[in-house]
C-alpha atoms as a PDB file:
ATOM      1  CA  MET A   1     104.125  75.212  80.089  1.00  0.00           C
ATOM      2  CA  THR A   2     102.351  78.358  81.210  1.00  0.00           C
ATOM      3  CA  THR A   3     104.413  81.530  80.721  1.00  0.00           C
ATOM      4  CA  PHE A   4     104.480  84.262  83.343  1.00  0.00           C
ATOM      5  CA  VAL A   5     104.310  87.614  81.531  1.00  0.00           C
ATOM      6  CA  LEU A   6     104.941  91.032  83.070  1.00  0.00           C
ATOM      7  CA  ALA A   7     103.233  93.790  81.087  1.00  0.00           C
ATOM      8  CA  SER A   8     105.491  96.544  82.379  1.00  0.00           C
ATOM      9  CA  ALA A   9     108.702  98.364  81.538  1.00  0.00           C
ATOM     10  CA  SER A  10     109.446  98.904  85.227  1.00  0.00           C
ATOM     11  CA  PRO A  11     112.862  97.557  86.229  1.00  0.00           C
ATOM     12  CA  ALA A  12     111.721  97.753  89.866  1.00  0.00           C
ATOM     13  CA  ARG A  13     108.782  95.388  89.261  1.00  0.00           C
ATOM     14  CA  LEU A  14     111.009  93.029  87.338  1.00  0.00           C
ATOM     15  CA  GLY A  15     113.553  93.122  90.146  1.00  0.00           C
ATOM     16  CA  VAL A  16     110.938  92.277  92.781  1.00  0.00           C
ATOM     17  CA  LEU A  17     109.753  89.254  90.801  1.00  0.00           C
ATOM     18  CA  ARG A  18     113.246  87.986  90.067  1.00  0.00           C
ATOM     19  CA  ALA A  19     114.280  88.339  93.703  1.00  0.00           C
ATOM     20  CA  ALA A  20     111.196  86.295  94.608  1.00  0.00           C
ATOM     21  CA  GLY A  21     112.062  83.450  92.247  1.00  0.00           C
ATOM     22  CA  VAL A  22     110.057  84.353  89.139  1.00  0.00           C
ATOM     23  CA  ASP A  23     111.825  85.328  85.913  1.00  0.00           C
ATOM     24  CA  PRO A  24     109.000  86.621  83.726  1.00  0.00           C
ATOM     25  CA  GLN A  25     108.798  87.364  80.052  1.00  0.00           C
ATOM     26  CA  VAL A  26     108.558  91.155  79.768  1.00  0.00           C
ATOM     27  CA  ARG A  27     106.235  92.701  77.218  1.00  0.00           C
ATOM     28  CA  VAL A  28     105.748  96.440  77.523  1.00  0.00           C
ATOM     29  CA  SER A  29     102.224  97.602  76.786  1.00  0.00           C
ATOM     30  CA  ALA A  30     101.510 100.465  74.422  1.00  0.00           C
ATOM     31  CA  VAL A  31      98.957 101.984  76.790  1.00  0.00           C
ATOM     32  CA  ASP A  32      99.298 105.740  77.254  1.00  0.00           C
ATOM     33  CA  GLU A  33      98.568 106.091  80.965  1.00  0.00           C
ATOM     34  CA  ASP A  34      97.890 109.823  80.924  1.00  0.00           C
ATOM     35  CA  ALA A  35      95.621 109.615  77.873  1.00  0.00           C
ATOM     36  CA  LEU A  36      93.610 106.724  79.304  1.00  0.00           C
ATOM     37  CA  ALA A  37      93.241 108.488  82.648  1.00  0.00           C
ATOM     38  CA  ALA A  38      91.881 111.528  80.794  1.00  0.00           C
ATOM     39  CA  VAL A  39      89.370 109.362  78.920  1.00  0.00           C
ATOM     40  CA  LEU A  40      88.199 107.685  82.120  1.00  0.00           C
ATOM     41  CA  GLY A  41      87.594 111.075  83.708  1.00  0.00           C
ATOM     42  CA  PRO A  42      86.987 111.607  87.429  1.00  0.00           C
ATOM     43  CA  VAL A  43      86.850 108.205  89.114  1.00  0.00           C
ATOM     44  CA  GLU A  44      87.851 106.891  92.515  1.00  0.00           C
ATOM     45  CA  PRO A  45      91.634 106.513  92.902  1.00  0.00           C
ATOM     46  CA  ALA A  46      91.450 102.737  93.346  1.00  0.00           C
ATOM     47  CA  ALA A  47      89.216 102.378  90.296  1.00  0.00           C
ATOM     48  CA  LEU A  48      91.671 104.384  88.177  1.00  0.00           C
ATOM     49  CA  VAL A  49      94.791 102.371  89.021  1.00  0.00           C
ATOM     50  CA  ALA A  50      92.830  99.136  88.581  1.00  0.00           C
ATOM     51  CA  ALA A  51      91.611 100.241  85.146  1.00  0.00           C
ATOM     52  CA  LEU A  52      95.115 101.229  84.059  1.00  0.00           C
ATOM     53  CA  ALA A  53      96.576  97.921  85.244  1.00  0.00           C
ATOM     54  CA  ARG A  54      93.859  95.998  83.396  1.00  0.00           C
ATOM     55  CA  ALA A  55      94.397  97.980  80.198  1.00  0.00           C
ATOM     56  CA  LYS A  56      98.119  97.191  80.232  1.00  0.00           C
ATOM     57  CA  ALA A  57      97.530  93.466  80.738  1.00  0.00           C
ATOM     58  CA  LEU A  58      94.851  93.308  78.027  1.00  0.00           C
ATOM     59  CA  ASP A  59      97.121  95.121  75.585  1.00  0.00           C
ATOM     60  CA  VAL A  60      99.749  92.361  75.581  1.00  0.00           C
ATOM     61  CA  ALA A  61      97.506  89.334  76.215  1.00  0.00           C
ATOM     62  CA  PRO A  62      96.701  88.410  72.569  1.00  0.00           C
ATOM     63  CA  ALA A  63     100.337  87.525  71.845  1.00  0.00           C
ATOM     64  CA  TRP A  64     100.319  84.452  74.111  1.00  0.00           C
ATOM     65  CA  SER A  65      99.020  80.915  73.696  1.00  0.00           C
ATOM     66  CA  ASP A  66      99.376  79.778  77.314  1.00  0.00           C
ATOM     67  CA  ALA A  67     100.206  82.467  79.853  1.00  0.00           C
ATOM     68  CA  VAL A  68      99.345  84.514  82.873  1.00  0.00           C
ATOM     69  CA  VAL A  69      99.771  88.202  82.156  1.00  0.00           C
ATOM     70  CA  VAL A  70     100.281  90.632  85.024  1.00  0.00           C
ATOM     71  CA  GLY A  71      99.629  94.338  84.583  1.00  0.00           C
ATOM     72  CA  CYS A  72     100.260  96.944  87.291  1.00  0.00           C
ATOM     73  CA  ASP A  73      99.857 100.661  87.770  1.00  0.00           C
ATOM     74  CA  SER A  74     100.861 102.806  90.745  1.00  0.00           C
ATOM     75  CA  MET A  75      99.827 106.308  91.767  1.00  0.00           C
ATOM     76  CA  LEU A  76     100.229 108.385  94.914  1.00  0.00           C
ATOM     77  CA  HIS A  77      97.233 109.937  96.671  1.00  0.00           C
ATOM     78  CA  VAL A  78      98.572 112.975  98.498  1.00  0.00           C
ATOM     79  CA  GLY A  79      96.869 116.175  99.598  1.00  0.00           C
ATOM     80  CA  GLY A  80      93.618 115.103  97.976  1.00  0.00           C
ATOM     81  CA  GLU A  81      95.287 114.678  94.580  1.00  0.00           C
ATOM     82  CA  LEU A  82      96.122 111.472  92.738  1.00  0.00           C
ATOM     83  CA  VAL A  83      99.490 111.790  91.005  1.00  0.00           C
ATOM     84  CA  GLY A  84     101.547 109.556  88.758  1.00  0.00           C
ATOM     85  CA  LYS A  85     104.920 110.156  87.122  1.00  0.00           C
ATOM     86  CA  PRO A  86     105.992 113.809  87.162  1.00  0.00           C
ATOM     87  CA  HIS A  87     108.136 113.618  83.976  1.00  0.00           C
ATOM     88  CA  THR A  88     109.761 117.010  84.669  1.00  0.00           C
ATOM     89  CA  VAL A  89     111.973 118.432  87.417  1.00  0.00           C
ATOM     90  CA  GLU A  90     109.548 121.293  87.997  1.00  0.00           C
ATOM     91  CA  VAL A  91     106.595 118.985  88.665  1.00  0.00           C
ATOM     92  CA  ALA A  92     108.681 116.675  90.850  1.00  0.00           C
ATOM     93  CA  ARG A  93     109.881 119.645  92.908  1.00  0.00           C
ATOM     94  CA  LYS A  94     106.271 120.730  93.555  1.00  0.00           C
ATOM     95  CA  ARG A  95     105.336 117.180  94.501  1.00  0.00           C
ATOM     96  CA  TRP A  96     108.117 117.002  97.066  1.00  0.00           C
ATOM     97  CA  ALA A  97     107.029 120.321  98.530  1.00  0.00           C
ATOM     98  CA  ALA A  98     103.636 118.717  99.195  1.00  0.00           C
ATOM     99  CA  MET A  99     104.987 115.327 100.307  1.00  0.00           C
ATOM    100  CA  ALA A 100     107.684 116.459 102.746  1.00  0.00           C
ATOM    101  CA  GLY A 101     106.704 115.531 106.298  1.00  0.00           C
ATOM    102  CA  ALA A 102     103.359 114.186 105.136  1.00  0.00           C
ATOM    103  CA  ALA A 103     101.712 110.784 104.885  1.00  0.00           C
ATOM    104  CA  ALA A 104     100.280 109.647 101.566  1.00  0.00           C
ATOM    105  CA  GLU A 105      98.629 106.557 100.121  1.00  0.00           C
ATOM    106  CA  LEU A 106     100.469 104.640  97.414  1.00  0.00           C
ATOM    107  CA  LEU A 107      97.888 102.713  95.393  1.00  0.00           C
ATOM    108  CA  THR A 108      98.989  99.911  93.083  1.00  0.00           C
ATOM    109  CA  GLY A 109      96.451  98.300  90.790  1.00  0.00           C
ATOM    110  CA  HIS A 110      97.069  94.692  89.786  1.00  0.00           C
ATOM    111  CA  CYS A 111      95.400  92.710  87.019  1.00  0.00           C
ATOM    112  CA  VAL A 112      96.193  89.046  86.385  1.00  0.00           C
ATOM    113  CA  LEU A 113      94.854  87.504  83.183  1.00  0.00           C
ATOM    114  CA  ARG A 114      94.774  83.811  82.302  1.00  0.00           C
ATOM    115  CA  VAL A 115      95.364  83.556  78.560  1.00  0.00           C
ATOM    116  CA  ARG A 116      94.883  80.612  76.224  1.00  0.00           C
ATOM    117  CA  ASP A 117      95.379  80.884  72.469  1.00  0.00           C
ATOM    118  CA  GLY A 118      95.400  84.655  72.676  1.00  0.00           C
ATOM    119  CA  GLN A 119      92.058  84.784  74.492  1.00  0.00           C
ATOM    120  CA  VAL A 120      91.456  85.864  78.074  1.00  0.00           C
ATOM    121  CA  VAL A 121      89.785  82.956  79.881  1.00  0.00           C
ATOM    122  CA  GLY A 122      90.157  84.252  83.435  1.00  0.00           C
ATOM    123  CA  GLU A 123      90.752  87.553  85.183  1.00  0.00           C
ATOM    124  CA  SER A 124      91.427  88.791  88.707  1.00  0.00           C
ATOM    125  CA  THR A 125      91.939  92.451  89.577  1.00  0.00           C
ATOM    126  CA  ALA A 126      92.600  94.178  92.890  1.00  0.00           C
ATOM    127  CA  VAL A 127      94.315  97.210  94.408  1.00  0.00           C
ATOM    128  CA  GLN A 128      96.902  97.297  97.190  1.00  0.00           C
ATOM    129  CA  THR A 129      97.064 100.479  99.272  1.00  0.00           C
ATOM    130  CA  THR A 130     100.075 101.307 101.443  1.00  0.00           C
ATOM    131  CA  VAL A 131     100.587 104.412 103.573  1.00  0.00           C
ATOM    132  CA  VAL A 132     103.953 106.101 103.080  1.00  0.00           C
ATOM    133  CA  HIS A 133     105.320 108.517 105.689  1.00  0.00           C
ATOM    134  CA  PHE A 134     107.805 110.929 104.159  1.00  0.00           C
ATOM    135  CA  ALA A 135     110.718 112.657 105.859  1.00  0.00           C
ATOM    136  CA  ARG A 136     111.434 116.361 105.514  1.00  0.00           C
ATOM    137  CA  PRO A 137     114.469 116.544 103.230  1.00  0.00           C
ATOM    138  CA  THR A 138     116.306 119.842 103.094  1.00  0.00           C
ATOM    139  CA  SER A 139     116.059 121.962  99.964  1.00  0.00           C
ATOM    140  CA  ALA A 140     119.589 120.912  99.046  1.00  0.00           C
ATOM    141  CA  GLU A 141     118.677 117.237  99.466  1.00  0.00           C
ATOM    142  CA  VAL A 142     115.609 117.638  97.271  1.00  0.00           C
ATOM    143  CA  GLU A 143     117.640 119.349  94.560  1.00  0.00           C
ATOM    144  CA  ALA A 144     120.306 116.642  94.742  1.00  0.00           C
ATOM    145  CA  TYR A 145     117.600 113.985  94.448  1.00  0.00           C
ATOM    146  CA  LEU A 146     115.996 115.713  91.472  1.00  0.00           C
ATOM    147  CA  ALA A 147     119.412 115.919  89.810  1.00  0.00           C
ATOM    148  CA  THR A 148     119.682 112.116  89.861  1.00  0.00           C
ATOM    149  CA  GLY A 149     116.717 111.893  87.493  1.00  0.00           C
ATOM    150  CA  GLU A 150     115.275 109.022  89.503  1.00  0.00           C
ATOM    151  CA  PRO A 151     112.040 110.683  90.643  1.00  0.00           C
ATOM    152  CA  LEU A 152     111.000 111.868  87.182  1.00  0.00           C
ATOM    153  CA  GLU A 153     109.638 108.574  85.825  1.00  0.00           C
ATOM    154  CA  VAL A 154     108.271 106.895  88.922  1.00  0.00           C
ATOM    155  CA  ALA A 155     104.831 107.176  90.499  1.00  0.00           C
ATOM    156  CA  GLY A 156     104.698 109.844  93.181  1.00  0.00           C
ATOM    157  CA  SER A 157     108.219 111.134  92.421  1.00  0.00           C
ATOM    158  CA  PHE A 158     109.952 108.718  94.790  1.00  0.00           C
ATOM    159  CA  THR A 159     111.261 105.193  95.156  1.00  0.00           C
ATOM    160  CA  LEU A 160     111.507 103.009  98.232  1.00  0.00           C
ATOM    161  CA  ASP A 161     114.240 100.749  96.875  1.00  0.00           C
ATOM    162  CA  GLY A 162     116.442 103.458  95.361  1.00  0.00           C
ATOM    163  CA  VAL A 163     117.875 106.838  96.285  1.00  0.00           C
ATOM    164  CA  GLY A 164     114.426 108.012  97.366  1.00  0.00           C
ATOM    165  CA  GLY A 165     114.479 105.493 100.199  1.00  0.00           C
ATOM    166  CA  TRP A 166     116.568 107.952 102.202  1.00  0.00           C
ATOM    167  CA  PHE A 167     113.487 110.166 102.494  1.00  0.00           C
ATOM    168  CA  VAL A 168     110.883 107.577 103.513  1.00  0.00           C
ATOM    169  CA  GLU A 169     110.483 107.409 107.290  1.00  0.00           C
ATOM    170  CA  ARG A 170     108.224 104.364 107.381  1.00  0.00           C
ATOM    171  CA  ILE A 171     105.404 102.588 105.613  1.00  0.00           C
ATOM    172  CA  GLU A 172     102.187 100.938 106.735  1.00  0.00           C
ATOM    173  CA  GLY A 173     101.468  97.957 104.510  1.00  0.00           C
ATOM    174  CA  ASP A 174     103.238  95.914 101.868  1.00  0.00           C
ATOM    175  CA  PRO A 175     106.697  97.207 100.882  1.00  0.00           C
ATOM    176  CA  SER A 176     106.748  95.243  97.609  1.00  0.00           C
ATOM    177  CA  SER A 177     103.610  97.095  96.525  1.00  0.00           C
ATOM    178  CA  VAL A 178     105.357 100.439  97.078  1.00  0.00           C
ATOM    179  CA  ILE A 179     108.177  99.226  94.843  1.00  0.00           C
ATOM    180  CA  GLY A 180     105.579  98.440  92.188  1.00  0.00           C
ATOM    181  CA  ILE A 181     104.100  94.945  92.540  1.00  0.00           C
ATOM    182  CA  SER A 182     102.616  93.308  95.624  1.00  0.00           C
ATOM    183  CA  LEU A 183     103.856  89.741  95.955  1.00  0.00           C
ATOM    184  CA  PRO A 184     101.154  88.691  98.451  1.00  0.00           C
ATOM    185  CA  LEU A 185      98.415  90.161  96.279  1.00  0.00           C
ATOM    186  CA  VAL A 186      99.696  88.583  93.054  1.00  0.00           C
ATOM    187  CA  ARG A 187      99.858  85.248  94.856  1.00  0.00           C
ATOM    188  CA  ARG A 188      96.201  85.644  95.875  1.00  0.00           C
ATOM    189  CA  LEU A 189      95.096  86.705  92.397  1.00  0.00           C
ATOM    190  CA  LEU A 190      96.870  83.709  90.861  1.00  0.00           C
ATOM    191  CA  GLY A 191      95.095  81.495  93.371  1.00  0.00           C
ATOM    192  CA  GLU A 192      91.733  82.906  92.310  1.00  0.00           C
ATOM    193  CA  LEU A 193      92.562  81.684  88.808  1.00  0.00           C
ATOM    194  CA  GLY A 194      93.474  78.223  90.047  1.00  0.00           C
ATOM    195  CA  LEU A 195      97.230  78.743  89.813  1.00  0.00           C
ATOM    196  CA  SER A 196      99.976  78.427  92.399  1.00  0.00           C
ATOM    197  CA  VAL A 197     102.810  80.934  92.419  1.00  0.00           C
ATOM    198  CA  THR A 198     105.201  78.105  93.293  1.00  0.00           C
ATOM    199  CA  SER A 199     104.744  76.646  89.800  1.00  0.00           C
ATOM    200  CA  PHE A 200     106.489  79.745  88.407  1.00  0.00           C
ATOM    201  CA  TRP A 201     109.496  79.668  90.714  1.00  0.00           C
ATOM    202  CA  ASN A 202     112.763  79.120  88.917  1.00  0.00           C
ATOM    203  CA  THR A 203     114.531  77.637  91.936  1.00  0.00           C
END
């Protein structure tokens, strides 16, 4: 039986898949996102998130004999800058100063690999872009949000499905992609490889 593998440490991505009937095997890639982005240099935002997603999937693919491996990477395009995880309170605070009251594009790269005997025999890659309209939280609200630690290790310094959801006015596009993995897009990519998502449902 073909194994569905998620090449990500993101609990949000795992939660989206489980809620949608897929309980994947999780294998966290060893890809250093910041280092790889530096090596790639200046590229289009969509090309960068696609390359990062592909690198993560390729990193874990050799361990499987019969699997589909899904890699994802999300970044926020705001104010002409493409940003990932802030890692520190100071960076997250600056990000929120730029995001408050603004609209930004959340880009999520997806790469689905078909693996047999540790070899990639099929690949589909695409990017989902969703426009996020942010509220204007007060300074006290921003500081309270930063104190939760939530925005420090998520793309764009916010979540839609967590505490950060209080500060998202609306979105244009796929909400699952903002959380970290687009269900409609993964379904399409699986189809391009001759696979049906329904075969992975655990219902």
